[in-house]
Amino acid sequence: MIRVDAFLLALAVCSALGVVAAQHQARKLFSELEREQARAQGLDVEWGQLQLEQSTWAAHARVEKIARERIGMRPPARGQMISVGGPSVAAPPVARR
């Protein structure tokens, strides 16, 4: 009978240690999950800010202003053809109906 009692006591102690270890692991994982969720939220905020910044930098009016001021670009004259790497050539007249 003493052997059975000792075995049951050892089994209960092992079970209790297993429960403690499982709870500790669960708390560690939950803490890590919260940390990663906070990091993901921070990255979402940063992504939104970057999208806003990109839309600001790529605004048509801003690009056009920089093209005119820094590069000296201008819209082509009416009927003027634009060629890459060569001089501009006038477009042939358009037939009217």
N, C-alpha and C. Protein backbone atom coordinates (compact mmCIF):
# COMPACT_ATOMS: atom_id res chain seq x y z
N MET A 1 0.82 -1.19 0.00
CA MET A 1 0.00 0.00 0.00
C MET A 1 0.87 1.26 0.00
N ILE A 2 1.99 1.20 0.67
CA ILE A 2 2.88 2.36 0.73
C ILE A 2 3.44 2.67 -0.66
N ARG A 3 3.69 1.63 -1.43
CA ARG A 3 4.22 1.83 -2.79
C ARG A 3 3.19 2.56 -3.66
N VAL A 4 1.94 2.18 -3.51
CA VAL A 4 0.88 2.81 -4.30
C VAL A 4 0.74 4.26 -3.88
N ASP A 5 0.78 4.53 -2.55
CA ASP A 5 0.67 5.90 -2.06
C ASP A 5 1.85 6.75 -2.55
N ALA A 6 3.04 6.20 -2.51
CA ALA A 6 4.23 6.93 -2.98
C ALA A 6 4.13 7.21 -4.48
N PHE A 7 3.65 6.23 -5.22
CA PHE A 7 3.48 6.41 -6.66
C PHE A 7 2.45 7.51 -6.95
N LEU A 8 1.33 7.48 -6.25
CA LEU A 8 0.29 8.50 -6.45
C LEU A 8 0.78 9.88 -6.05
N LEU A 9 1.57 9.94 -4.96
CA LEU A 9 2.14 11.23 -4.52
C LEU A 9 3.11 11.75 -5.58
N ALA A 10 3.96 10.90 -6.11
CA ALA A 10 4.91 11.31 -7.15
C ALA A 10 4.15 11.77 -8.40
N LEU A 11 3.09 11.06 -8.73
CA LEU A 11 2.28 11.41 -9.89
C LEU A 11 1.61 12.78 -9.68
N ALA A 12 1.11 13.04 -8.49
CA ALA A 12 0.48 14.32 -8.18
C ALA A 12 1.50 15.46 -8.23
N VAL A 13 2.71 15.22 -7.71
CA VAL A 13 3.76 16.25 -7.74
C VAL A 13 4.16 16.54 -9.19
N CYS A 14 4.33 15.50 -9.99
CA CYS A 14 4.68 15.69 -11.42
C CYS A 14 3.57 16.45 -12.14
N SER A 15 2.33 16.12 -11.84
CA SER A 15 1.21 16.80 -12.46
C SER A 15 1.18 18.28 -12.06
N ALA A 16 1.42 18.56 -10.80
CA ALA A 16 1.44 19.95 -10.32
C ALA A 16 2.57 20.73 -10.98
N LEU A 17 3.73 20.10 -11.10
CA LEU A 17 4.86 20.78 -11.76
C LEU A 17 4.55 21.02 -13.25
N GLY A 18 3.87 20.08 -13.86
CA GLY A 18 3.47 20.26 -15.25
C GLY A 18 2.50 21.42 -15.43
N VAL A 19 1.56 21.55 -14.50
CA VAL A 19 0.60 22.67 -14.55
C VAL A 19 1.33 23.99 -14.38
N VAL A 20 2.26 24.07 -13.45
CA VAL A 20 3.02 25.30 -13.22
C VAL A 20 3.83 25.65 -14.46
N ALA A 21 4.50 24.65 -15.03
CA ALA A 21 5.31 24.91 -16.22
C ALA A 21 4.43 25.37 -17.38
N ALA A 22 3.27 24.76 -17.56
CA ALA A 22 2.36 25.14 -18.65
C ALA A 22 1.84 26.57 -18.45
N GLN A 23 1.50 26.94 -17.22
CA GLN A 23 1.02 28.29 -16.96
C GLN A 23 2.12 29.32 -17.22
N HIS A 24 3.34 28.99 -16.80
CA HIS A 24 4.46 29.89 -17.03
C HIS A 24 4.68 30.10 -18.53
N GLN A 25 4.65 29.02 -19.29
CA GLN A 25 4.83 29.10 -20.75
C GLN A 25 3.70 29.91 -21.38
N ALA A 26 2.47 29.70 -20.93
CA ALA A 26 1.33 30.44 -21.47
C ALA A 26 1.48 31.93 -21.18
N ARG A 27 1.93 32.29 -19.98
CA ARG A 27 2.11 33.71 -19.65
C ARG A 27 3.22 34.33 -20.47
N LYS A 28 4.29 33.59 -20.69
CA LYS A 28 5.39 34.09 -21.52
C LYS A 28 4.92 34.33 -22.95
N LEU A 29 4.18 33.39 -23.49
CA LEU A 29 3.69 33.52 -24.86
C LEU A 29 2.68 34.67 -24.98
N PHE A 30 1.83 34.84 -23.97
CA PHE A 30 0.87 35.94 -24.00
C PHE A 30 1.58 37.29 -23.95
N SER A 31 2.61 37.38 -23.13
CA SER A 31 3.40 38.61 -23.05
C SER A 31 4.06 38.91 -24.39
N GLU A 32 4.60 37.89 -25.02
CA GLU A 32 5.23 38.06 -26.33
C GLU A 32 4.20 38.47 -27.38
N LEU A 33 3.01 37.89 -27.32
CA LEU A 33 1.93 38.24 -28.24
C LEU A 33 1.56 39.72 -28.10
N GLU A 34 1.41 40.19 -26.88
CA GLU A 34 1.07 41.60 -26.66
C GLU A 34 2.16 42.52 -27.20
N ARG A 35 3.41 42.14 -26.98
CA ARG A 35 4.53 42.93 -27.49
C ARG A 35 4.49 43.01 -29.01
N GLU A 36 4.24 41.89 -29.66
CA GLU A 36 4.20 41.87 -31.12
C GLU A 36 2.98 42.62 -31.66
N GLN A 37 1.87 42.56 -30.96
CA GLN A 37 0.68 43.32 -31.38
C GLN A 37 0.94 44.82 -31.29
N ALA A 38 1.63 45.25 -30.22
CA ALA A 38 1.98 46.67 -30.08
C ALA A 38 2.93 47.08 -31.20
N ARG A 39 3.87 46.22 -31.53
CA ARG A 39 4.81 46.50 -32.61
C ARG A 39 4.06 46.60 -33.95
N ALA A 40 3.13 45.69 -34.18
CA ALA A 40 2.34 45.71 -35.42
C ALA A 40 1.52 47.00 -35.52
N GLN A 41 0.96 47.43 -34.40
CA GLN A 41 0.18 48.67 -34.40
C GLN A 41 1.09 49.86 -34.72
N GLY A 42 2.29 49.87 -34.15
CA GLY A 42 3.25 50.94 -34.46
C GLY A 42 3.63 50.94 -35.93
N LEU A 43 3.81 49.75 -36.50
CA LEU A 43 4.14 49.66 -37.92
C LEU A 43 2.97 50.11 -38.79
N ASP A 44 1.74 49.84 -38.36
CA ASP A 44 0.57 50.32 -39.10
C ASP A 44 0.52 51.85 -39.12
N VAL A 45 0.83 52.44 -37.97
CA VAL A 45 0.84 53.91 -37.89
C VAL A 45 1.92 54.46 -38.82
N GLU A 46 3.10 53.86 -38.77
CA GLU A 46 4.20 54.31 -39.63
C GLU A 46 3.84 54.14 -41.11
N TRP A 47 3.18 53.04 -41.48
CA TRP A 47 2.76 52.80 -42.85
C TRP A 47 1.80 53.90 -43.32
N GLY A 48 0.86 54.26 -42.47
CA GLY A 48 -0.07 55.33 -42.82
C GLY A 48 0.65 56.65 -43.03
N GLN A 49 1.62 56.95 -42.17
CA GLN A 49 2.39 58.19 -42.32
C GLN A 49 3.20 58.18 -43.62
N LEU A 50 3.77 57.03 -43.95
CA LEU A 50 4.55 56.93 -45.18
C LEU A 50 3.67 57.07 -46.41
N GLN A 51 2.46 56.52 -46.38
CA GLN A 51 1.54 56.67 -47.50
C GLN A 51 1.15 58.14 -47.68
N LEU A 52 0.91 58.83 -46.57
CA LEU A 52 0.58 60.25 -46.63
C LEU A 52 1.74 61.04 -47.19
N GLU A 53 2.95 60.73 -46.74
CA GLU A 53 4.14 61.42 -47.23
C GLU A 53 4.32 61.17 -48.73
N GLN A 54 4.12 59.93 -49.15
CA GLN A 54 4.27 59.60 -50.58
C GLN A 54 3.26 60.37 -51.42
N SER A 55 2.02 60.46 -50.95
CA SER A 55 1.02 61.19 -51.73
C SER A 55 1.36 62.67 -51.80
N THR A 56 1.97 63.19 -50.74
CA THR A 56 2.38 64.60 -50.74
C THR A 56 3.51 64.82 -51.74
N TRP A 57 4.51 63.95 -51.72
CA TRP A 57 5.65 64.09 -52.62
C TRP A 57 5.25 63.89 -54.08
N ALA A 58 4.27 63.06 -54.34
CA ALA A 58 3.89 62.72 -55.71
C ALA A 58 2.72 63.56 -56.22
N ALA A 59 2.31 64.57 -55.48
CA ALA A 59 1.20 65.41 -55.92
C ALA A 59 1.53 66.04 -57.28
N HIS A 60 0.56 66.03 -58.18
CA HIS A 60 0.78 66.52 -59.55
C HIS A 60 1.28 67.96 -59.55
N ALA A 61 0.69 68.81 -58.75
CA ALA A 61 1.08 70.22 -58.73
C ALA A 61 2.53 70.38 -58.27
N ARG A 62 2.94 69.59 -57.29
CA ARG A 62 4.32 69.67 -56.80
C ARG A 62 5.30 69.21 -57.86
N VAL A 63 4.99 68.09 -58.52
CA VAL A 63 5.87 67.57 -59.57
C VAL A 63 5.98 68.58 -60.71
N GLU A 64 4.85 69.16 -61.10
CA GLU A 64 4.87 70.14 -62.18
C GLU A 64 5.69 71.37 -61.79
N LYS A 65 5.55 71.85 -60.57
CA LYS A 65 6.29 73.01 -60.11
C LYS A 65 7.79 72.74 -60.14
N ILE A 66 8.20 71.59 -59.66
CA ILE A 66 9.63 71.24 -59.66
C ILE A 66 10.14 71.10 -61.09
N ALA A 67 9.33 70.50 -61.97
CA ALA A 67 9.75 70.35 -63.37
C ALA A 67 9.97 71.72 -64.01
N ARG A 68 9.10 72.67 -63.72
CA ARG A 68 9.25 74.01 -64.30
C ARG A 68 10.44 74.76 -63.69
N GLU A 69 10.56 74.74 -62.35
CA GLU A 69 11.57 75.56 -61.68
C GLU A 69 12.97 74.97 -61.74
N ARG A 70 13.12 73.72 -61.43
CA ARG A 70 14.47 73.12 -61.34
C ARG A 70 14.99 72.62 -62.69
N ILE A 71 14.12 72.00 -63.46
CA ILE A 71 14.57 71.35 -64.68
C ILE A 71 14.34 72.25 -65.89
N GLY A 72 13.46 73.21 -65.76
CA GLY A 72 13.17 74.11 -66.87
C GLY A 72 12.26 73.49 -67.91
N MET A 73 11.45 72.54 -67.52
CA MET A 73 10.53 71.90 -68.47
C MET A 73 9.35 72.82 -68.72
N ARG A 74 8.77 72.67 -69.88
CA ARG A 74 7.58 73.44 -70.24
C ARG A 74 6.71 72.57 -71.12
N PRO A 75 5.43 72.85 -71.18
CA PRO A 75 4.57 72.04 -72.05
C PRO A 75 4.92 72.34 -73.51
N PRO A 76 4.75 71.37 -74.39
CA PRO A 76 5.05 71.60 -75.80
C PRO A 76 4.04 72.57 -76.42
N ALA A 77 4.52 73.29 -77.42
CA ALA A 77 3.63 74.21 -78.13
C ALA A 77 2.60 73.40 -78.90
N ARG A 78 1.49 74.01 -79.22
CA ARG A 78 0.42 73.30 -79.94
C ARG A 78 0.96 72.83 -81.29
N GLY A 79 0.80 71.54 -81.57
CA GLY A 79 1.26 70.98 -82.83
C GLY A 79 2.71 70.53 -82.81
N GLN A 80 3.41 70.75 -81.73
CA GLN A 80 4.82 70.36 -81.64
C GLN A 80 4.92 68.91 -81.22
N MET A 81 5.74 68.13 -81.94
CA MET A 81 5.97 66.74 -81.56
C MET A 81 7.17 66.67 -80.65
N ILE A 82 7.17 65.73 -79.77
CA ILE A 82 8.27 65.56 -78.84
C ILE A 82 8.99 64.27 -79.20
N SER A 83 10.30 64.37 -79.38
CA SER A 83 11.09 63.16 -79.67
C SER A 83 12.11 62.98 -78.57
N VAL A 84 12.43 61.74 -78.32
CA VAL A 84 13.40 61.43 -77.27
C VAL A 84 14.78 61.40 -77.88
N GLY A 85 15.69 62.19 -77.34
CA GLY A 85 17.08 62.16 -77.78
C GLY A 85 17.35 62.98 -79.01
N GLY A 86 16.41 63.68 -79.55
CA GLY A 86 16.64 64.47 -80.76
C GLY A 86 15.87 65.76 -80.70
N PRO A 87 16.06 66.59 -81.71
CA PRO A 87 15.34 67.87 -81.71
C PRO A 87 13.85 67.65 -81.97
N SER A 88 13.08 68.60 -81.52
CA SER A 88 11.64 68.53 -81.73
C SER A 88 11.32 68.83 -83.19
N VAL A 89 10.34 68.15 -83.71
CA VAL A 89 9.94 68.32 -85.10
C VAL A 89 8.46 68.71 -85.10
N ALA A 90 8.11 69.61 -85.95
CA ALA A 90 6.73 70.06 -86.03
C ALA A 90 5.87 68.93 -86.58
N ALA A 91 4.68 68.83 -86.05
CA ALA A 91 3.74 67.79 -86.49
C ALA A 91 3.16 68.18 -87.84
N PRO A 92 2.88 67.20 -88.69
CA PRO A 92 2.24 67.52 -89.96
C PRO A 92 0.84 68.07 -89.70
N PRO A 93 0.37 68.91 -90.59
CA PRO A 93 -0.97 69.48 -90.36
C PRO A 93 -2.03 68.40 -90.36
N VAL A 94 -3.03 68.62 -89.52
CA VAL A 94 -4.12 67.68 -89.38
C VAL A 94 -5.17 67.99 -90.43
N ALA A 95 -5.60 66.96 -91.15
CA ALA A 95 -6.62 67.15 -92.19
C ALA A 95 -7.95 67.45 -91.53
N ARG A 96 -8.63 68.47 -92.02
CA ARG A 96 -9.93 68.84 -91.46
C ARG A 96 -11.02 68.37 -92.37
N ARG A 97 -12.11 67.99 -91.82
CA ARG A 97 -13.25 67.50 -92.61
C ARG A 97 -14.27 68.56 -92.79
